[in-house]
Structures are given as C-alpha cells and as structure tokens.
C-alpha cells in the first residue's frame, strides 16, 4: 500500500519491483486505495521496491526473500517533494 504522510492513499503511483540477482523488473501502478499487486515474481530475492509519484519524493526499500505461498505485504509512505516524514 502506498500512502502520503497523512495516511491517505496515493492513486497512480509507480511501483517497480526489481529482483536484484537477475535484474528482472515488474512495474505496477497503484489503484484508488493505494494498493498494488505484483504477481508472478521469482522466488528468492532479495528485491528492491522503488515507489514514485508526481509531487512526492521517491522511496526505495529492500525486501528480503519471497517464499512460495506467502504474500509479502509492504506499506510505503511518501513525503511531499522536498519534505521528510
């Protein structure tokens, strides 16, 4: 889920999930609830998740390893451009 610093969802944010060992990427766009889903990712990892949206500073997070049958939940809060949360 991608939100702003007030906890409101950010619609239309770009989420790029990169499998670090192979460089394979999956690009998603958040929906009206700030949610996104990246199905079909390789098992293992680690992964880098980069989130960007107009008017906000970009954020990059590392996610450990993905395991079959386990959903990985990730919440990201973006600060308005030029501000910190």
PDB file of N, CA and C in Angstrom:
ATOM      1  N   UNK A   1       0.840  -1.174   0.000  1.00  0.00           N
ATOM      2  CA  UNK A   1       0.000   0.000   0.000  1.00  0.00           C
ATOM      3  C   UNK A   1       0.890   1.243   0.000  1.00  0.00           C
ATOM      4  N   UNK A   2       0.520   2.235  -0.807  1.00  0.00           N
ATOM      5  CA  UNK A   2       1.272   3.484  -0.882  1.00  0.00           C
ATOM      6  C   UNK A   2       0.366   4.609  -0.391  1.00  0.00           C
ATOM      7  N   UNK A   3       0.862   5.346   0.619  1.00  0.00           N
ATOM      8  CA  UNK A   3       0.101   6.446   1.196  1.00  0.00           C
ATOM      9  C   UNK A   3       0.965   7.701   1.250  1.00  0.00           C
ATOM     10  N   UNK A   4       0.298   8.828   1.537  1.00  0.00           N
ATOM     11  CA  UNK A   4       1.055  10.053   1.787  1.00  0.00           C
ATOM     12  C   UNK A   4       1.374  10.131   3.275  1.00  0.00           C
ATOM     13  N   UNK A   5       2.014  11.196   3.707  1.00  0.00           N
ATOM     14  CA  UNK A   5       2.435  11.299   5.107  1.00  0.00           C
ATOM     15  C   UNK A   5       1.256  11.397   6.072  1.00  0.00           C
ATOM     16  N   UNK A   6       0.050  11.680   5.557  1.00  0.00           N
ATOM     17  CA  UNK A   6      -1.160  11.725   6.386  1.00  0.00           C
ATOM     18  C   UNK A   6      -1.883  10.389   6.430  1.00  0.00           C
ATOM     19  N   UNK A   7      -1.378   9.419   5.671  1.00  0.00           N
ATOM     20  CA  UNK A   7      -2.023   8.108   5.634  1.00  0.00           C
ATOM     21  C   UNK A   7      -3.067   7.957   4.555  1.00  0.00           C
ATOM     22  N   UNK A   8      -3.230   8.981   3.708  1.00  0.00           N
ATOM     23  CA  UNK A   8      -4.196   8.892   2.611  1.00  0.00           C
ATOM     24  C   UNK A   8      -3.576   8.133   1.436  1.00  0.00           C
ATOM     25  N   UNK A   9      -4.366   7.288   0.759  1.00  0.00           N
ATOM     26  CA  UNK A   9      -3.816   6.512  -0.356  1.00  0.00           C
ATOM     27  C   UNK A   9      -3.382   7.398  -1.516  1.00  0.00           C
ATOM     28  N   UNK A  10      -2.329   6.977  -2.197  1.00  0.00           N
ATOM     29  CA  UNK A  10      -1.862   7.676  -3.402  1.00  0.00           C
ATOM     30  C   UNK A  10      -2.224   6.817  -4.597  1.00  0.00           C
ATOM     31  N   UNK A  11      -3.115   7.351  -5.421  1.00  0.00           N
ATOM     32  CA  UNK A  11      -3.543   6.674  -6.643  1.00  0.00           C
ATOM     33  C   UNK A  11      -2.566   6.992  -7.766  1.00  0.00           C
ATOM     34  N   UNK A  12      -2.217   6.005  -8.577  1.00  0.00           N
ATOM     35  CA  UNK A  12      -1.386   6.236  -9.749  1.00  0.00           C
ATOM     36  C   UNK A  12       0.105   6.290  -9.482  1.00  0.00           C
ATOM     37  N   UNK A  13       0.540   5.898  -8.276  1.00  0.00           N
ATOM     38  CA  UNK A  13       1.981   5.834  -8.005  1.00  0.00           C
ATOM     39  C   UNK A  13       2.576   4.675  -8.791  1.00  0.00           C
ATOM     40  N   UNK A  14       3.815   4.820  -9.202  1.00  0.00           N
ATOM     41  CA  UNK A  14       4.514   3.764  -9.928  1.00  0.00           C
ATOM     42  C   UNK A  14       5.365   2.967  -8.952  1.00  0.00           C
ATOM     43  N   UNK A  15       5.202   1.649  -9.002  1.00  0.00           N
ATOM     44  CA  UNK A  15       5.945   0.744  -8.136  1.00  0.00           C
ATOM     45  C   UNK A  15       6.758  -0.192  -9.030  1.00  0.00           C
ATOM     46  N   UNK A  16       8.086  -0.155  -8.890  1.00  0.00           N
ATOM     47  CA  UNK A  16       8.964  -1.023  -9.679  1.00  0.00           C
ATOM     48  C   UNK A  16       9.644  -1.995  -8.722  1.00  0.00           C
ATOM     49  N   UNK A  17       9.370  -3.281  -8.918  1.00  0.00           N
ATOM     50  CA  UNK A  17       9.947  -4.337  -8.093  1.00  0.00           C
ATOM     51  C   UNK A  17      11.064  -4.986  -8.903  1.00  0.00           C
ATOM     52  N   UNK A  18      12.294  -4.968  -8.369  1.00  0.00           N
ATOM     53  CA  UNK A  18      13.455  -5.498  -9.084  1.00  0.00           C
ATOM     54  C   UNK A  18      14.057  -6.667  -8.324  1.00  0.00           C
ATOM     55  N   UNK A  19      14.169  -7.803  -8.993  1.00  0.00           N
ATOM     56  CA  UNK A  19      14.849  -8.975  -8.440  1.00  0.00           C
ATOM     57  C   UNK A  19      16.339  -8.711  -8.603  1.00  0.00           C
ATOM     58  N   UNK A  20      17.037  -8.449  -7.498  1.00  0.00           N
ATOM     59  CA  UNK A  20      18.422  -8.000  -7.562  1.00  0.00           C
ATOM     60  C   UNK A  20      19.367  -8.956  -8.278  1.00  0.00           C
ATOM     61  N   UNK A  21      19.312 -10.271  -8.030  1.00  0.00           N
ATOM     62  CA  UNK A  21      20.283 -11.148  -8.701  1.00  0.00           C
ATOM     63  C   UNK A  21      20.167 -11.160 -10.232  1.00  0.00           C
ATOM     64  N   UNK A  22      18.933 -11.077 -10.755  1.00  0.00           N
ATOM     65  CA  UNK A  22      18.745 -11.187 -12.202  1.00  0.00           C
ATOM     66  C   UNK A  22      18.494  -9.851 -12.889  1.00  0.00           C
ATOM     67  N   UNK A  23      18.069  -8.838 -12.126  1.00  0.00           N
ATOM     68  CA  UNK A  23      17.710  -7.554 -12.720  1.00  0.00           C
ATOM     69  C   UNK A  23      16.321  -7.537 -13.320  1.00  0.00           C
ATOM     70  N   UNK A  24      15.553  -8.627 -13.181  1.00  0.00           N
ATOM     71  CA  UNK A  24      14.193  -8.704 -13.693  1.00  0.00           C
ATOM     72  C   UNK A  24      13.311  -7.715 -12.936  1.00  0.00           C
ATOM     73  N   UNK A  25      12.471  -6.969 -13.676  1.00  0.00           N
ATOM     74  CA  UNK A  25      11.593  -5.997 -13.033  1.00  0.00           C
ATOM     75  C   UNK A  25      10.127  -6.278 -13.306  1.00  0.00           C
ATOM     76  N   UNK A  26       9.288  -5.813 -12.397  1.00  0.00           N
ATOM     77  CA  UNK A  26       7.841  -5.838 -12.548  1.00  0.00           C
ATOM     78  C   UNK A  26       7.357  -4.441 -12.182  1.00  0.00           C
ATOM     79  N   UNK A  27       6.628  -3.797 -13.082  1.00  0.00           N
ATOM     80  CA  UNK A  27       6.156  -2.433 -12.838  1.00  0.00           C
ATOM     81  C   UNK A  27       4.640  -2.454 -12.659  1.00  0.00           C
ATOM     82  N   UNK A  28       4.191  -1.824 -11.587  1.00  0.00           N
ATOM     83  CA  UNK A  28       2.777  -1.769 -11.247  1.00  0.00           C
ATOM     84  C   UNK A  28       2.383  -0.318 -11.004  1.00  0.00           C
ATOM     85  N   UNK A  29       1.084  -0.039 -11.069  1.00  0.00           N
ATOM     86  CA  UNK A  29       0.539   1.273 -10.735  1.00  0.00           C
ATOM     87  C   UNK A  29      -0.480   1.073  -9.626  1.00  0.00           C
ATOM     88  N   UNK A  30      -0.437   1.952  -8.606  1.00  0.00           N
ATOM     89  CA  UNK A  30      -1.374   1.799  -7.502  1.00  0.00           C
ATOM     90  C   UNK A  30      -2.796   2.147  -7.917  1.00  0.00           C
ATOM     91  N   UNK A  31      -3.757   1.477  -7.270  1.00  0.00           N
ATOM     92  CA  UNK A  31      -5.168   1.706  -7.553  1.00  0.00           C
ATOM     93  C   UNK A  31      -5.716   2.812  -6.636  1.00  0.00           C
ATOM     94  N   UNK A  32      -7.019   2.978  -6.603  1.00  0.00           N
ATOM     95  CA  UNK A  32      -7.649   4.056  -5.838  1.00  0.00           C
ATOM     96  C   UNK A  32      -7.463   3.919  -4.327  1.00  0.00           C
ATOM     97  N   UNK A  33      -7.091   2.731  -3.864  1.00  0.00           N
ATOM     98  CA  UNK A  33      -6.840   2.524  -2.431  1.00  0.00           C
ATOM     99  C   UNK A  33      -5.354   2.601  -2.108  1.00  0.00           C
ATOM    100  N   UNK A  34      -4.525   2.937  -3.114  1.00  0.00           N
ATOM    101  CA  UNK A  34      -3.081   2.962  -2.925  1.00  0.00           C
ATOM    102  C   UNK A  34      -2.468   1.578  -2.987  1.00  0.00           C
ATOM    103  N   UNK A  35      -3.269   0.588  -3.300  1.00  0.00           N
ATOM    104  CA  UNK A  35      -2.806  -0.796  -3.332  1.00  0.00           C
ATOM    105  C   UNK A  35      -2.180  -1.179  -4.657  1.00  0.00           C
ATOM    106  N   UNK A  36      -1.324  -2.175  -4.597  1.00  0.00           N
ATOM    107  CA  UNK A  36      -0.736  -2.737  -5.809  1.00  0.00           C
ATOM    108  C   UNK A  36      -0.467  -4.214  -5.567  1.00  0.00           C
ATOM    109  N   UNK A  37      -0.365  -4.946  -6.656  1.00  0.00           N
ATOM    110  CA  UNK A  37      -0.120  -6.380  -6.580  1.00  0.00           C
ATOM    111  C   UNK A  37       0.898  -6.716  -7.657  1.00  0.00           C
ATOM    112  N   UNK A  38       1.924  -7.462  -7.292  1.00  0.00           N
ATOM    113  CA  UNK A  38       2.968  -7.835  -8.249  1.00  0.00           C
ATOM    114  C   UNK A  38       3.039  -9.360  -8.319  1.00  0.00           C
ATOM    115  N   UNK A  39       2.105  -9.981  -9.031  1.00  0.00           N
ATOM    116  CA  UNK A  39       2.088 -11.439  -9.110  1.00  0.00           C
ATOM    117  C   UNK A  39       3.199 -11.969 -10.015  1.00  0.00           C
ATOM    118  N   UNK A  40       3.533 -13.225  -9.824  1.00  0.00           N
ATOM    119  CA  UNK A  40       4.464 -13.899 -10.727  1.00  0.00           C
ATOM    120  C   UNK A  40       5.923 -13.562 -10.512  1.00  0.00           C
ATOM    121  N   UNK A  41       6.265 -13.024  -9.348  1.00  0.00           N
ATOM    122  CA  UNK A  41       7.673 -12.716  -9.084  1.00  0.00           C
ATOM    123  C   UNK A  41       8.458 -14.000  -8.838  1.00  0.00           C
ATOM    124  N   UNK A  42       9.748 -13.955  -9.119  1.00  0.00           N
ATOM    125  CA  UNK A  42      10.616 -15.093  -8.858  1.00  0.00           C
ATOM    126  C   UNK A  42      10.696 -15.350  -7.359  1.00  0.00           C
ATOM    127  N   UNK A  43      10.810 -16.608  -6.988  1.00  0.00           N
ATOM    128  CA  UNK A  43      11.046 -16.937  -5.588  1.00  0.00           C
ATOM    129  C   UNK A  43      12.472 -16.547  -5.252  1.00  0.00           C
ATOM    130  N   UNK A  44      12.727 -16.352  -3.986  1.00  0.00           N
ATOM    131  CA  UNK A  44      14.063 -15.950  -3.575  1.00  0.00           C
ATOM    132  C   UNK A  44      14.151 -14.445  -3.483  1.00  0.00           C
ATOM    133  N   UNK A  45      15.289 -13.920  -3.792  1.00  0.00           N
ATOM    134  CA  UNK A  45      15.493 -12.483  -3.675  1.00  0.00           C
ATOM    135  C   UNK A  45      16.959 -12.215  -3.440  1.00  0.00           C
ATOM    136  N   UNK A  46      17.298 -11.110  -2.930  1.00  0.00           N
ATOM    137  CA  UNK A  46      16.424 -10.048  -2.442  1.00  0.00           C
ATOM    138  C   UNK A  46      15.854  -9.209  -3.579  1.00  0.00           C
ATOM    139  N   UNK A  47      14.876  -8.378  -3.212  1.00  0.00           N
ATOM    140  CA  UNK A  47      14.203  -7.474  -4.133  1.00  0.00           C
ATOM    141  C   UNK A  47      14.386  -6.037  -3.682  1.00  0.00           C
ATOM    142  N   UNK A  48      14.385  -5.128  -4.639  1.00  0.00           N
ATOM    143  CA  UNK A  48      14.321  -3.700  -4.361  1.00  0.00           C
ATOM    144  C   UNK A  48      12.972  -3.218  -4.870  1.00  0.00           C
ATOM    145  N   UNK A  49      12.273  -2.435  -4.036  1.00  0.00           N
ATOM    146  CA  UNK A  49      10.983  -1.877  -4.419  1.00  0.00           C
ATOM    147  C   UNK A  49      11.138  -0.359  -4.452  1.00  0.00           C
ATOM    148  N   UNK A  50      10.976   0.232  -5.634  1.00  0.00           N
ATOM    149  CA  UNK A  50      11.091   1.681  -5.806  1.00  0.00           C
ATOM    150  C   UNK A  50       9.699   2.236  -6.086  1.00  0.00           C
ATOM    151  N   UNK A  51       9.313   3.265  -5.319  1.00  0.00           N
ATOM    152  CA  UNK A  51       7.978   3.858  -5.449  1.00  0.00           C
ATOM    153  C   UNK A  51       8.132   5.341  -5.764  1.00  0.00           C
ATOM    154  N   UNK A  52       7.392   5.799  -6.776  1.00  0.00           N
ATOM    155  CA  UNK A  52       7.429   7.214  -7.140  1.00  0.00           C
ATOM    156  C   UNK A  52       6.028   7.683  -7.528  1.00  0.00           C
ATOM    157  N   UNK A  53       5.784   8.973  -7.292  1.00  0.00           N
ATOM    158  CA  UNK A  53       4.510   9.593  -7.669  1.00  0.00           C
ATOM    159  C   UNK A  53       4.754  11.083  -7.861  1.00  0.00           C
ATOM    160  N   UNK A  54       4.017  11.690  -8.776  1.00  0.00           N
ATOM    161  CA  UNK A  54       4.147  13.119  -9.028  1.00  0.00           C
ATOM    162  C   UNK A  54       3.890  13.908  -7.743  1.00  0.00           C
ATOM    163  N   UNK A  55       4.787  14.852  -7.448  1.00  0.00           N
ATOM    164  CA  UNK A  55       4.627  15.709  -6.284  1.00  0.00           C
ATOM    165  C   UNK A  55       5.169  15.125  -4.992  1.00  0.00           C
ATOM    166  N   UNK A  56       5.767  13.929  -5.073  1.00  0.00           N
ATOM    167  CA  UNK A  56       6.299  13.263  -3.888  1.00  0.00           C
ATOM    168  C   UNK A  56       7.742  12.836  -4.125  1.00  0.00           C
ATOM    169  N   UNK A  57       8.514  12.758  -3.040  1.00  0.00           N
ATOM    170  CA  UNK A  57       9.864  12.206  -3.132  1.00  0.00           C
ATOM    171  C   UNK A  57       9.762  10.694  -3.316  1.00  0.00           C
ATOM    172  N   UNK A  58      10.637  10.142  -4.135  1.00  0.00           N
ATOM    173  CA  UNK A  58      10.664   8.697  -4.368  1.00  0.00           C
ATOM    174  C   UNK A  58      11.238   7.984  -3.151  1.00  0.00           C
ATOM    175  N   UNK A  59      10.828   6.738  -2.987  1.00  0.00           N
ATOM    176  CA  UNK A  59      11.308   5.898  -1.891  1.00  0.00           C
ATOM    177  C   UNK A  59      11.749   4.568  -2.464  1.00  0.00           C
ATOM    178  N   UNK A  60      12.833   4.032  -1.909  1.00  0.00           N
ATOM    179  CA  UNK A  60      13.311   2.711  -2.315  1.00  0.00           C
ATOM    180  C   UNK A  60      13.501   1.877  -1.049  1.00  0.00           C
ATOM    181  N   UNK A  61      12.973   0.649  -1.084  1.00  0.00           N
ATOM    182  CA  UNK A  61      13.103  -0.259   0.057  1.00  0.00           C
ATOM    183  C   UNK A  61      13.600  -1.606  -0.438  1.00  0.00           C
ATOM    184  N   UNK A  62      14.335  -2.295   0.428  1.00  0.00           N
ATOM    185  CA  UNK A  62      14.754  -3.650   0.100  1.00  0.00           C
ATOM    186  C   UNK A  62      13.834  -4.623   0.808  1.00  0.00           C
ATOM    187  N   UNK A  63      13.431  -5.645   0.069  1.00  0.00           N
ATOM    188  CA  UNK A  63      12.604  -6.721   0.612  1.00  0.00           C
ATOM    189  C   UNK A  63      13.446  -7.977   0.568  1.00  0.00           C
ATOM    190  N   UNK A  64      13.399  -8.758   1.614  1.00  0.00           N
ATOM    191  CA  UNK A  64      14.197  -9.979   1.694  1.00  0.00           C
ATOM    192  C   UNK A  64      13.823 -10.990   0.632  1.00  0.00           C
ATOM    193  N   UNK A  65      13.541 -12.163   1.034  1.00  0.00           N
ATOM    194  CA  UNK A  65      13.308 -13.269   0.121  1.00  0.00           C
ATOM    195  C   UNK A  65      11.833 -13.646   0.083  1.00  0.00           C
ATOM    196  N   UNK A  66      11.339 -13.979  -1.108  1.00  0.00           N
ATOM    197  CA  UNK A  66       9.959 -14.412  -1.288  1.00  0.00           C
ATOM    198  C   UNK A  66       9.895 -15.930  -1.216  1.00  0.00           C
ATOM    199  N   UNK A  67       8.846 -16.413  -0.553  1.00  0.00           N
ATOM    200  CA  UNK A  67       8.636 -17.842  -0.386  1.00  0.00           C
ATOM    201  C   UNK A  67       7.321 -18.216  -1.047  1.00  0.00           C
ATOM    202  N   UNK A  68       7.262 -19.378  -1.678  1.00  0.00           N
ATOM    203  CA  UNK A  68       6.041 -19.840  -2.340  1.00  0.00           C
ATOM    204  C   UNK A  68       4.888 -19.902  -1.343  1.00  0.00           C
ATOM    205  N   UNK A  69       3.734 -19.387  -1.746  1.00  0.00           N
ATOM    206  CA  UNK A  69       2.541 -19.460  -0.934  1.00  0.00           C
ATOM    207  C   UNK A  69       2.433 -18.419   0.163  1.00  0.00           C
ATOM    208  N   UNK A  70       3.404 -17.523   0.270  1.00  0.00           N
ATOM    209  CA  UNK A  70       3.343 -16.479   1.295  1.00  0.00           C
ATOM    210  C   UNK A  70       3.293 -15.108   0.623  1.00  0.00           C
ATOM    211  N   UNK A  71       2.245 -14.348   0.939  1.00  0.00           N
ATOM    212  CA  UNK A  71       2.149 -12.987   0.415  1.00  0.00           C
ATOM    213  C   UNK A  71       3.105 -12.083   1.182  1.00  0.00           C
ATOM    214  N   UNK A  72       3.749 -11.202   0.484  1.00  0.00           N
ATOM    215  CA  UNK A  72       4.648 -10.219   1.107  1.00  0.00           C
ATOM    216  C   UNK A  72       3.897  -8.903   1.144  1.00  0.00           C
ATOM    217  N   UNK A  73       3.661  -8.377   2.308  1.00  0.00           N
ATOM    218  CA  UNK A  73       2.960  -7.100   2.456  1.00  0.00           C
ATOM    219  C   UNK A  73       3.982  -5.991   2.652  1.00  0.00           C
ATOM    220  N   UNK A  74       3.730  -4.859   1.994  1.00  0.00           N
ATOM    221  CA  UNK A  74       4.644  -3.739   2.067  1.00  0.00           C
ATOM    222  C   UNK A  74       3.836  -2.444   2.099  1.00  0.00           C
ATOM    223  N   UNK A  75       4.099  -1.612   3.090  1.00  0.00           N
ATOM    224  CA  UNK A  75       3.451  -0.300   3.170  1.00  0.00           C
ATOM    225  C   UNK A  75       4.538   0.761   3.015  1.00  0.00           C
ATOM    226  N   UNK A  76       4.262   1.731   2.144  1.00  0.00           N
ATOM    227  CA  UNK A  76       5.219   2.795   1.860  1.00  0.00           C
ATOM    228  C   UNK A  76       4.500   4.128   2.027  1.00  0.00           C
ATOM    229  N   UNK A  77       5.118   5.046   2.783  1.00  0.00           N
ATOM    230  CA  UNK A  77       4.587   6.401   2.932  1.00  0.00           C
ATOM    231  C   UNK A  77       5.514   7.350   2.187  1.00  0.00           C
ATOM    232  N   UNK A  78       4.938   8.138   1.296  1.00  0.00           N
ATOM    233  CA  UNK A  78       5.712   9.104   0.528  1.00  0.00           C
ATOM    234  C   UNK A  78       5.550  10.499   1.110  1.00  0.00           C
ATOM    235  N   UNK A  79       6.629  11.222   1.206  1.00  0.00           N
ATOM    236  CA  UNK A  79       6.598  12.609   1.681  1.00  0.00           C
ATOM    237  C   UNK A  79       6.434  13.538   0.494  1.00  0.00           C
ATOM    238  N   UNK A  80       5.748  14.663   0.692  1.00  0.00           N
ATOM    239  CA  UNK A  80       5.665  15.656  -0.390  1.00  0.00           C
ATOM    240  C   UNK A  80       7.083  16.030  -0.827  1.00  0.00           C
ATOM    241  N   UNK A  81       7.259  16.320  -2.091  1.00  0.00           N
ATOM    242  CA  UNK A  81       8.580  16.645  -2.642  1.00  0.00           C
ATOM    243  C   UNK A  81       9.267  17.704  -1.783  1.00  0.00           C
ATOM    244  N   UNK A  82      10.510  17.407  -1.403  1.00  0.00           N
ATOM    245  CA  UNK A  82      11.320  18.340  -0.643  1.00  0.00           C
ATOM    246  C   UNK A  82      11.099  18.305   0.858  1.00  0.00           C
ATOM    247  N   UNK A  83      10.208  17.443   1.348  1.00  0.00           N
ATOM    248  CA  UNK A  83       9.949  17.349   2.791  1.00  0.00           C
ATOM    249  C   UNK A  83      10.302  15.955   3.278  1.00  0.00           C
ATOM    250  N   UNK A  84      10.519  15.811   4.560  1.00  0.00           N
ATOM    251  CA  UNK A  84      10.737  14.476   5.141  1.00  0.00           C
ATOM    252  C   UNK A  84       9.554  14.124   6.025  1.00  0.00           C
ATOM    253  N   UNK A  85       9.348  12.826   6.160  1.00  0.00           N
ATOM    254  CA  UNK A  85       8.229  12.344   7.004  1.00  0.00           C
ATOM    255  C   UNK A  85       8.721  12.218   8.432  1.00  0.00           C
TER     256      UNK A  85
END
